[in-house]
Amino acid sequence: MAAPVLFSVILAILLRFICFRTYLSSILADRIEVVTPLTSWTRIIEGITLMEQGISPYVGAIFHETPLCLHLFKYLYSITPLIIPTIFIALDLLIGIVLYSAAQNGIKYMLRRQKREQVRYAKGVEALHLDQSAFTEIPKLVLYIYLLNPFTIFTCCAKSTILLTNLAVALAFQFTFQGRRAGATLAIALAAYQSLYPVMLLVPCAIHVARQEQKDVSVFFDDVKFWKSCCKTGLCFIFWASFLIYLSYSLLESWDFLFSTYGFILSVGNLQPNLGLFWYFMLEMFEHFRLFFIWVFQINAFIYTIPLSIKFRDHPVFVMLIQLILISVFKSYPAIGDTVVYLALIPLWSHSFHYLRNTLVVGVMLTVSSIIAPIMYQLWMYAGSANANFFFAVTLVYNAALIFLATDVSYAVLRREFSLLHGIALDDEGNEKPVKLQ
């Protein structure tokens, strides 16, 4: 049983080492689909150089990485630059291991919950039950998908610092499934410290921890114990986030990093093309409308948290998954590295895949847009035979595919939940049809 896992780990390490030994690594380090102004290794080197010259890297408009990340890589780089590829490979492997462990805890939690709620299920829905074999099979699938995903390999070989965010997000899933408030809030605080948007994971995390403390009963928003638990989770997050911010201030003895990191994310100061939706609209926008549409776009990234948490209040960790998809669509500086964690974790809900409707459409759209996007960028920037509309059209297809993915998986989870409670009806040909409530 361990042989396929060991083989996949060795293969993943070899692929990354080969990539680092070729020119592919230096090519990927400059690709806008892989790195952003917030995660570029080139800018890390720039920040390290400025620090060694006694200049604050946050004075200009070049460096936007967090202080703790900068000091971490400055220390590692001072040992020897040759260690950096090994550090990124080890970091990527660690994320895979954490996701594997998170998947195990997730399946264990789902099986326990299914056993407890089985008395409420309708008759004849055994085919929709989560099988016991999922405890061994699903975690391995999660590990395979993460380590062997081309997006993951490209992100690692480009030395993108988004790996730190992904590690924090993976730990957030791990600790949330375990119901460990301190660990989950620390992981979310670290992820939010690195890229801001993961702060929205706090809401479903708080709901899940509250459910765990109340023996996983259904959430009732008029329950005093529920709100007390959520407040504890919120205060715990505020403590960790404040500690990280203060530690950053202590290292720099300046608050300049706040505007250069979070201010840069929110104000969208760099309109370099990327896989997101911001850059094209901001380029075409009249200046006096700019602030209004920045507010609209940024609010759009956060506003879905509350309705999703209400609708899926009995599936809060699933809300975290959907939020990751929405973050990769609506954040101001997205890259392919934003997709790798949730693509790996989606098999946790494979027992709902029976109700997926757009699998082929999503798969084709993601594959085609991933191949065509670099071609269109090459034609636009270097060959001069295309323009910005060509590249932006492909990014629209890419983001539409992610939206279809989020809606399709959400529908599948809700449809399975409905069928478990109300039964499965078959038509004359033996095909399943919706059950009508009396």
Protein backbone atom coordinates (compact mmCIF):
# COMPACT_ATOMS: atom_id res chain seq x y z
CA MET A 1 0.00 0.00 0.00
CA ALA A 2 2.88 2.36 0.75
CA ALA A 3 4.72 1.64 -2.51
CA PRO A 4 2.56 3.88 -4.77
CA VAL A 5 2.80 6.73 -2.26
CA LEU A 6 6.57 6.38 -1.99
CA PHE A 7 6.90 6.20 -5.78
CA SER A 8 4.81 9.35 -6.26
CA VAL A 9 6.86 11.25 -3.68
CA ILE A 10 10.16 10.20 -5.29
CA LEU A 11 8.82 11.04 -8.76
CA ALA A 12 7.63 14.46 -7.56
CA ILE A 13 11.04 15.24 -6.03
CA LEU A 14 12.87 14.11 -9.18
CA LEU A 15 10.68 16.22 -11.44
CA ARG A 16 11.38 19.30 -9.33
CA PHE A 17 15.12 18.67 -9.19
CA ILE A 18 15.25 18.18 -12.96
CA CYS A 19 13.29 21.39 -13.46
CA PHE A 20 15.70 23.31 -11.22
CA ARG A 21 18.68 21.93 -13.15
CA THR A 22 17.38 23.26 -16.48
CA TYR A 23 16.53 26.67 -17.90
CA LEU A 24 12.85 26.00 -17.21
CA SER A 25 13.22 27.30 -13.66
CA SER A 26 14.52 30.71 -14.79
CA ILE A 27 11.82 30.92 -17.47
CA LEU A 28 9.04 30.15 -15.00
CA ALA A 29 10.40 32.73 -12.54
CA ASP A 30 9.36 35.47 -14.97
CA ARG A 31 6.05 34.06 -16.19
CA ILE A 32 3.06 36.18 -15.20
CA GLU A 33 0.89 33.07 -14.96
CA VAL A 34 3.16 31.62 -12.27
CA VAL A 35 4.46 34.57 -10.22
CA THR A 36 3.08 37.98 -9.29
CA PRO A 37 4.63 41.17 -7.87
CA LEU A 38 3.74 39.76 -4.43
CA THR A 39 5.32 36.32 -4.83
CA SER A 40 8.25 36.80 -7.20
CA TRP A 41 11.62 35.39 -6.15
CA THR A 42 13.33 38.08 -8.22
CA ARG A 43 11.78 40.70 -5.95
CA ILE A 44 12.88 38.77 -2.88
CA ILE A 45 16.47 39.03 -4.14
CA GLU A 46 15.88 42.75 -4.73
CA GLY A 47 14.66 43.17 -1.16
CA ILE A 48 17.62 41.25 0.26
CA THR A 49 20.04 43.40 -1.75
CA LEU A 50 18.42 46.62 -0.53
CA MET A 51 18.59 45.45 3.08
CA GLU A 52 22.28 44.61 2.73
CA GLN A 53 22.84 48.14 1.42
CA GLY A 54 21.10 49.56 4.48
CA ILE A 55 18.04 50.70 2.49
CA SER A 56 14.49 49.84 3.49
CA PRO A 57 12.97 47.66 0.72
CA TYR A 58 9.58 49.23 1.40
CA VAL A 59 10.60 52.79 0.48
CA GLY A 60 10.07 52.33 -3.27
CA ALA A 61 7.37 50.61 -5.29
CA ILE A 62 9.25 47.41 -6.12
CA PHE A 63 9.10 45.19 -3.04
CA HIS A 64 5.78 43.93 -1.64
CA GLU A 65 6.67 40.80 0.31
CA THR A 66 6.00 40.56 4.06
CA PRO A 67 8.86 41.33 6.51
CA LEU A 68 8.90 37.88 8.11
CA CYS A 69 9.14 36.20 4.73
CA LEU A 70 11.92 38.58 3.70
CA HIS A 71 13.97 37.91 6.83
CA LEU A 72 13.42 34.17 6.54
CA PHE A 73 14.77 34.00 3.01
CA LYS A 74 17.52 36.50 3.80
CA TYR A 75 18.78 34.13 6.49
CA LEU A 76 18.52 31.07 4.24
CA TYR A 77 20.14 32.90 1.32
CA SER A 78 23.04 34.00 3.55
CA ILE A 79 23.88 30.35 4.30
CA THR A 80 24.30 29.59 0.61
CA PRO A 81 22.16 30.40 -2.46
CA LEU A 82 22.47 26.76 -3.53
CA ILE A 83 20.19 25.67 -0.69
CA ILE A 84 17.20 27.65 -1.98
CA PRO A 85 15.92 25.08 -4.54
CA THR A 86 16.11 22.37 -1.88
CA ILE A 87 14.16 24.58 0.54
CA PHE A 88 11.36 25.09 -1.98
CA ILE A 89 11.20 21.38 -2.83
CA ALA A 90 11.07 20.51 0.88
CA LEU A 91 8.39 23.13 1.42
CA ASP A 92 6.31 21.73 -1.44
CA LEU A 93 6.69 18.20 -0.09
CA LEU A 94 5.66 19.40 3.37
CA ILE A 95 2.47 20.92 1.94
CA GLY A 96 1.65 17.58 0.32
CA ILE A 97 2.18 15.74 3.61
CA VAL A 98 0.00 18.22 5.51
CA LEU A 99 -2.75 17.88 2.89
CA TYR A 100 -2.49 14.09 3.17
CA SER A 101 -2.92 14.31 6.93
CA ALA A 102 -5.74 16.86 6.57
CA ALA A 103 -7.53 14.50 4.16
CA GLN A 104 -7.25 11.67 6.67
CA ASN A 105 -8.74 13.83 9.41
CA GLY A 106 -11.41 15.08 7.02
CA ILE A 107 -12.53 11.59 5.99
CA LYS A 108 -12.47 10.44 9.61
CA TYR A 109 -14.69 13.39 10.58
CA MET A 110 -17.11 12.75 7.68
CA LEU A 111 -17.40 9.04 8.49
CA ARG A 112 -18.05 9.83 12.14
CA ARG A 113 -20.70 12.36 11.22
CA GLN A 114 -22.32 9.99 8.72
CA LYS A 115 -22.57 7.26 11.36
CA ARG A 116 -24.20 9.67 13.79
CA GLU A 117 -26.72 11.07 11.27
CA GLN A 118 -27.53 7.79 9.53
CA VAL A 119 -30.79 7.44 11.46
CA ARG A 120 -32.12 10.52 9.65
CA TYR A 121 -31.36 9.18 6.17
CA ALA A 122 -34.10 7.87 3.89
CA LYS A 123 -34.23 4.24 2.82
CA GLY A 124 -32.45 3.10 -0.30
CA VAL A 125 -29.71 5.75 -0.30
CA GLU A 126 -26.81 3.45 0.62
CA ALA A 127 -25.17 4.16 -2.75
CA LEU A 128 -24.65 7.77 -1.62
CA HIS A 129 -22.91 6.83 1.63
CA LEU A 130 -19.25 7.55 2.16
CA ASP A 131 -17.45 4.20 2.04
CA GLN A 132 -15.00 3.14 4.74
CA SER A 133 -12.32 2.54 2.09
CA ALA A 134 -12.23 6.29 1.47
CA PHE A 135 -10.12 6.67 4.61
CA THR A 136 -7.17 5.04 2.86
CA GLU A 137 -7.86 5.89 -0.79
CA ILE A 138 -8.84 9.58 -0.69
CA PRO A 139 -5.77 10.86 1.24
CA LYS A 140 -3.48 9.12 -1.25
CA LEU A 141 -5.39 10.67 -4.14
CA VAL A 142 -5.05 14.10 -2.51
CA LEU A 143 -1.30 13.58 -2.22
CA TYR A 144 -0.96 12.41 -5.84
CA ILE A 145 -2.97 15.33 -7.20
CA TYR A 146 -0.97 17.89 -5.26
CA LEU A 147 2.55 16.57 -5.85
CA LEU A 148 2.09 15.67 -9.53
CA ASN A 149 -0.07 18.62 -10.59
CA PRO A 150 1.84 20.62 -13.27
CA PHE A 151 0.62 23.85 -11.62
CA THR A 152 2.24 22.74 -8.36
CA ILE A 153 5.51 21.79 -10.05
CA PHE A 154 5.70 25.06 -12.01
CA THR A 155 4.97 27.12 -8.88
CA CYS A 156 7.68 25.34 -6.91
CA CYS A 157 10.28 25.61 -9.68
CA ALA A 158 9.55 29.32 -10.10
CA LYS A 159 10.42 29.72 -6.40
CA SER A 160 7.12 31.48 -5.80
CA THR A 161 6.59 32.51 -2.18
CA ILE A 162 2.93 31.57 -2.51
CA LEU A 163 4.10 28.21 -1.18
CA LEU A 164 4.19 29.79 2.28
CA THR A 165 0.56 30.84 1.92
CA ASN A 166 -0.41 27.39 0.65
CA LEU A 167 1.33 25.74 3.61
CA ALA A 168 -0.60 27.97 6.02
CA VAL A 169 -3.89 27.19 4.23
CA ALA A 170 -3.16 23.45 4.33
CA LEU A 171 -2.47 23.70 8.07
CA ALA A 172 -5.73 25.63 8.47
CA PHE A 173 -7.65 22.68 6.99
CA GLN A 174 -5.71 20.24 9.15
CA PHE A 175 -6.37 22.03 12.44
CA THR A 176 -9.95 22.95 11.55
CA PHE A 177 -10.88 19.32 10.90
CA GLN A 178 -9.35 18.49 14.28
CA GLY A 179 -11.31 21.29 15.96
CA ARG A 180 -8.13 22.87 17.34
CA ARG A 181 -8.88 26.56 17.69
CA ALA A 182 -5.38 27.85 18.46
CA GLY A 183 -3.70 25.99 15.61
CA ALA A 184 -6.41 26.83 13.06
CA THR A 185 -6.47 30.54 13.88
CA LEU A 186 -2.66 30.72 13.82
CA ALA A 187 -2.62 29.08 10.37
CA ILE A 188 -5.30 31.43 9.04
CA ALA A 189 -3.46 34.41 10.56
CA LEU A 190 -0.25 33.32 8.79
CA ALA A 191 -2.09 32.88 5.47
CA ALA A 192 -3.80 36.27 5.85
CA TYR A 193 -0.49 37.84 6.89
CA GLN A 194 1.04 36.61 3.65
CA SER A 195 -1.73 37.46 1.17
CA LEU A 196 -4.66 39.07 3.09
CA TYR A 197 -7.56 37.30 1.35
CA PRO A 198 -7.45 34.06 3.42
CA VAL A 199 -8.77 36.09 6.37
CA MET A 200 -12.25 35.09 5.17
CA LEU A 201 -11.49 31.47 6.10
CA LEU A 202 -11.96 32.54 9.72
CA VAL A 203 -15.77 32.50 9.51
CA PRO A 204 -16.29 28.84 8.48
CA CYS A 205 -13.41 27.82 10.76
CA ALA A 206 -15.19 29.44 13.72
CA ILE A 207 -18.44 27.67 12.80
CA HIS A 208 -16.72 24.28 12.57
CA VAL A 209 -14.93 24.70 15.89
CA ALA A 210 -18.22 25.70 17.52
CA ARG A 211 -19.89 22.60 16.06
CA GLN A 212 -17.10 20.41 17.41
CA GLU A 213 -17.46 21.89 20.88
CA GLN A 214 -21.20 21.21 20.81
CA LYS A 215 -20.72 17.59 19.66
CA ASP A 216 -21.28 18.55 16.01
CA VAL A 217 -24.93 19.52 16.36
CA SER A 218 -26.55 21.56 13.61
CA VAL A 219 -25.79 25.28 13.84
CA PHE A 220 -28.46 27.54 15.26
CA PHE A 221 -27.56 31.20 15.05
CA ASP A 222 -29.63 32.09 18.13
CA ASP A 223 -27.54 29.78 20.33
CA VAL A 224 -25.52 31.72 22.91
CA LYS A 225 -22.90 28.97 23.20
CA PHE A 226 -22.34 29.09 19.45
CA TRP A 227 -21.65 32.84 19.47
CA LYS A 228 -19.38 32.56 22.51
CA SER A 229 -17.31 29.95 20.73
CA CYS A 230 -17.14 32.09 17.56
CA CYS A 231 -16.04 35.11 19.62
CA LYS A 232 -13.25 33.04 21.19
CA THR A 233 -12.10 32.00 17.73
CA GLY A 234 -12.21 35.61 16.52
CA LEU A 235 -10.24 36.87 19.51
CA CYS A 236 -7.69 34.10 19.05
CA PHE A 237 -7.22 35.13 15.43
CA ILE A 238 -6.87 38.80 16.38
CA PHE A 239 -4.18 37.87 18.90
CA TRP A 240 -2.14 35.91 16.34
CA ALA A 241 -2.58 38.52 13.61
CA SER A 242 -1.60 41.35 15.98
CA PHE A 243 1.44 39.37 17.10
CA LEU A 244 2.60 38.86 13.51
CA ILE A 245 2.10 42.53 12.64
CA TYR A 246 3.92 43.69 15.77
CA LEU A 247 6.76 41.24 15.14
CA SER A 248 7.10 42.69 11.64
CA TYR A 249 7.21 46.20 13.08
CA SER A 250 9.87 45.13 15.57
CA LEU A 251 12.07 43.81 12.79
CA LEU A 252 11.82 46.99 10.70
CA GLU A 253 11.03 49.64 13.35
CA SER A 254 8.68 51.09 10.76
CA TRP A 255 5.08 50.69 9.58
CA ASP A 256 6.00 51.22 5.92
CA PHE A 257 5.43 47.56 5.14
CA LEU A 258 1.67 47.87 5.74
CA PHE A 259 1.08 50.05 2.69
CA SER A 260 3.64 48.21 0.57
CA THR A 261 1.97 44.85 1.23
CA TYR A 262 -1.72 45.09 2.14
CA GLY A 263 -2.13 48.58 0.72
CA PHE A 264 -0.61 47.36 -2.53
CA ILE A 265 -3.04 44.41 -2.64
CA LEU A 266 -6.10 46.57 -2.00
CA SER A 267 -5.18 49.57 -4.15
CA VAL A 268 -3.99 47.44 -7.12
CA GLY A 269 -0.99 49.65 -7.75
CA ASN A 270 0.61 47.39 -10.37
CA LEU A 271 -1.38 46.71 -13.54
CA GLN A 272 0.97 44.09 -14.95
CA PRO A 273 -1.15 41.47 -16.80
CA ASN A 274 -2.01 38.34 -14.84
CA LEU A 275 -4.68 35.65 -14.68
CA GLY A 276 -7.06 37.89 -12.74
CA LEU A 277 -9.81 40.31 -13.63
CA PHE A 278 -8.44 43.54 -12.15
CA TRP A 279 -5.68 44.60 -14.50
CA TYR A 280 -7.66 44.87 -17.74
CA PHE A 281 -10.58 46.76 -16.20
CA MET A 282 -8.27 49.14 -14.36
CA LEU A 283 -6.31 49.84 -17.57
CA GLU A 284 -9.49 50.65 -19.49
CA MET A 285 -11.15 52.55 -16.65
CA PHE A 286 -11.47 56.34 -16.57
CA GLU A 287 -9.40 57.59 -13.66
CA HIS A 288 -12.33 59.20 -11.82
CA PHE A 289 -14.10 55.79 -11.73
CA ARG A 290 -11.04 53.88 -10.53
CA LEU A 291 -11.65 54.08 -6.77
CA PHE A 292 -15.29 53.06 -7.14
CA PHE A 293 -14.51 49.95 -9.17
CA ILE A 294 -11.61 48.96 -6.92
CA TRP A 295 -14.08 48.97 -4.02
CA VAL A 296 -16.57 46.93 -6.08
CA PHE A 297 -13.97 44.35 -7.08
CA GLN A 298 -12.48 44.01 -3.60
CA ILE A 299 -15.86 43.74 -1.88
CA ASN A 300 -16.79 41.09 -4.44
CA ALA A 301 -13.90 38.96 -3.21
CA PHE A 302 -15.15 38.98 0.40
CA ILE A 303 -18.93 39.35 0.19
CA TYR A 304 -19.74 35.69 -0.51
CA THR A 305 -18.42 34.53 2.85
CA ILE A 306 -21.58 35.25 4.85
CA PRO A 307 -24.20 33.75 2.48
CA LEU A 308 -22.05 30.66 1.91
CA SER A 309 -21.54 30.21 5.66
CA ILE A 310 -25.28 30.44 6.23
CA LYS A 311 -26.28 28.09 3.41
CA PHE A 312 -23.59 25.51 4.19
CA ARG A 313 -23.63 25.99 7.97
CA ASP A 314 -23.57 22.20 8.41
CA HIS A 315 -20.57 21.92 6.05
CA PRO A 316 -18.24 24.74 7.17
CA VAL A 317 -15.02 23.12 5.92
CA PHE A 318 -16.60 22.81 2.48
CA VAL A 319 -17.16 26.58 2.64
CA MET A 320 -13.41 26.99 3.13
CA LEU A 321 -12.86 25.03 -0.08
CA ILE A 322 -15.30 27.20 -2.05
CA GLN A 323 -13.71 30.33 -0.60
CA LEU A 324 -10.31 29.24 -1.93
CA ILE A 325 -11.82 28.95 -5.42
CA LEU A 326 -13.38 32.41 -5.13
CA ILE A 327 -10.10 33.87 -3.84
CA SER A 328 -8.24 32.52 -6.88
CA VAL A 329 -10.81 34.24 -9.12
CA PHE A 330 -11.35 37.58 -7.41
CA LYS A 331 -8.01 38.40 -5.77
CA SER A 332 -6.08 41.29 -7.29
CA TYR A 333 -2.91 39.31 -8.15
CA PRO A 334 -3.76 35.65 -8.80
CA ALA A 335 -1.52 32.93 -10.23
CA ILE A 336 -1.79 29.23 -10.95
CA GLY A 337 -0.38 28.53 -7.49
CA ASP A 338 -3.67 29.71 -5.98
CA THR A 339 -5.48 26.69 -7.42
CA VAL A 340 -3.30 23.81 -6.24
CA VAL A 341 -4.60 23.38 -2.68
CA TYR A 342 -8.30 23.23 -3.48
CA LEU A 343 -7.78 21.09 -6.60
CA ALA A 344 -6.02 18.58 -4.35
CA LEU A 345 -8.70 18.70 -1.63
CA ILE A 346 -11.77 18.41 -3.89
CA PRO A 347 -11.65 14.55 -3.76
CA LEU A 348 -12.66 14.82 -0.08
CA TRP A 349 -16.18 15.40 -1.40
CA SER A 350 -15.96 12.74 -4.13
CA HIS A 351 -19.00 10.99 -2.61
CA SER A 352 -21.01 13.89 -4.08
CA PHE A 353 -19.48 13.63 -7.57
CA HIS A 354 -22.48 11.59 -8.75
CA TYR A 355 -24.35 14.88 -9.05
CA LEU A 356 -21.72 16.88 -10.92
CA ARG A 357 -23.08 18.31 -14.17
CA ASN A 358 -20.25 20.25 -15.82
CA THR A 359 -17.20 18.04 -15.33
CA LEU A 360 -16.31 17.88 -19.02
CA VAL A 361 -16.91 21.59 -19.55
CA VAL A 362 -14.76 22.61 -16.57
CA GLY A 363 -11.97 20.18 -17.48
CA VAL A 364 -11.83 21.32 -21.11
CA MET A 365 -12.00 25.02 -20.22
CA LEU A 366 -9.19 24.74 -17.67
CA THR A 367 -7.00 22.67 -19.96
CA VAL A 368 -7.49 24.83 -23.04
CA SER A 369 -7.08 28.15 -21.20
CA SER A 370 -3.93 26.88 -19.44
CA ILE A 371 -2.37 26.02 -22.81
CA ILE A 372 -3.61 29.02 -24.79
CA ALA A 373 -2.87 31.74 -22.19
CA PRO A 374 0.95 31.66 -22.50
CA ILE A 375 0.62 31.46 -26.30
CA MET A 376 -1.59 34.56 -26.42
CA TYR A 377 0.75 36.43 -24.09
CA GLN A 378 3.69 35.51 -26.30
CA LEU A 379 1.86 36.71 -29.41
CA TRP A 380 0.87 39.95 -27.68
CA MET A 381 4.11 40.92 -25.96
CA TYR A 382 6.81 39.47 -28.20
CA ALA A 383 5.45 38.63 -31.65
CA GLY A 384 3.26 41.72 -31.85
CA SER A 385 0.56 39.80 -33.74
CA ALA A 386 -2.08 40.02 -30.99
CA ASN A 387 -3.24 42.49 -28.36
CA ALA A 388 -4.44 42.59 -24.75
CA ASN A 389 -7.95 41.46 -25.72
CA PHE A 390 -6.61 38.06 -26.86
CA PHE A 391 -4.91 37.34 -23.55
CA PHE A 392 -7.75 38.74 -21.42
CA ALA A 393 -10.31 36.63 -23.29
CA VAL A 394 -8.39 33.49 -22.34
CA THR A 395 -8.19 34.59 -18.69
CA LEU A 396 -11.97 35.07 -18.75
CA VAL A 397 -12.34 31.45 -19.91
CA TYR A 398 -9.98 30.36 -17.12
CA ASN A 399 -11.89 32.23 -14.41
CA ALA A 400 -15.26 31.14 -15.80
CA ALA A 401 -14.08 27.54 -15.50
CA LEU A 402 -13.24 28.10 -11.82
CA ILE A 403 -16.67 29.66 -11.22
CA PHE A 404 -18.33 26.67 -12.93
CA LEU A 405 -16.25 24.40 -10.72
CA ALA A 406 -17.37 26.19 -7.53
CA THR A 407 -21.07 26.19 -8.50
CA ASP A 408 -21.02 22.59 -9.75
CA VAL A 409 -19.38 21.18 -6.61
CA SER A 410 -21.73 23.26 -4.42
CA TYR A 411 -24.74 21.91 -6.29
CA ALA A 412 -23.46 18.34 -5.97
CA VAL A 413 -23.01 18.61 -2.19
CA LEU A 414 -26.46 20.14 -1.69
CA ARG A 415 -28.13 17.65 -4.05
CA ARG A 416 -26.57 14.68 -2.27
CA GLU A 417 -27.64 16.08 1.11
CA PHE A 418 -31.21 16.43 -0.17
CA SER A 419 -31.26 12.88 -1.56
CA LEU A 420 -29.93 11.44 1.70
CA LEU A 421 -32.77 13.01 3.66
CA HIS A 422 -35.63 12.61 1.18
CA GLY A 423 -34.68 9.51 -0.78
CA ILE A 424 -33.94 8.73 -4.39
CA ALA A 425 -36.76 8.49 -6.93
CA LEU A 426 -36.35 6.58 -10.19
CA ASP A 427 -38.20 7.11 -13.46
CA ASP A 428 -39.48 4.34 -15.72
CA GLU A 429 -36.04 3.89 -17.28
CA GLY A 430 -34.29 3.53 -13.91
CA ASN A 431 -32.67 6.97 -13.95
CA GLU A 432 -32.66 9.11 -10.85
CA LYS A 433 -35.04 12.05 -10.76
CA PRO A 434 -35.58 14.79 -8.16
CA VAL A 435 -37.82 13.94 -5.21
CA LYS A 436 -40.69 16.36 -4.73
CA LEU A 437 -41.40 17.46 -1.17
CA GLN A 438 -44.94 16.81 0.03
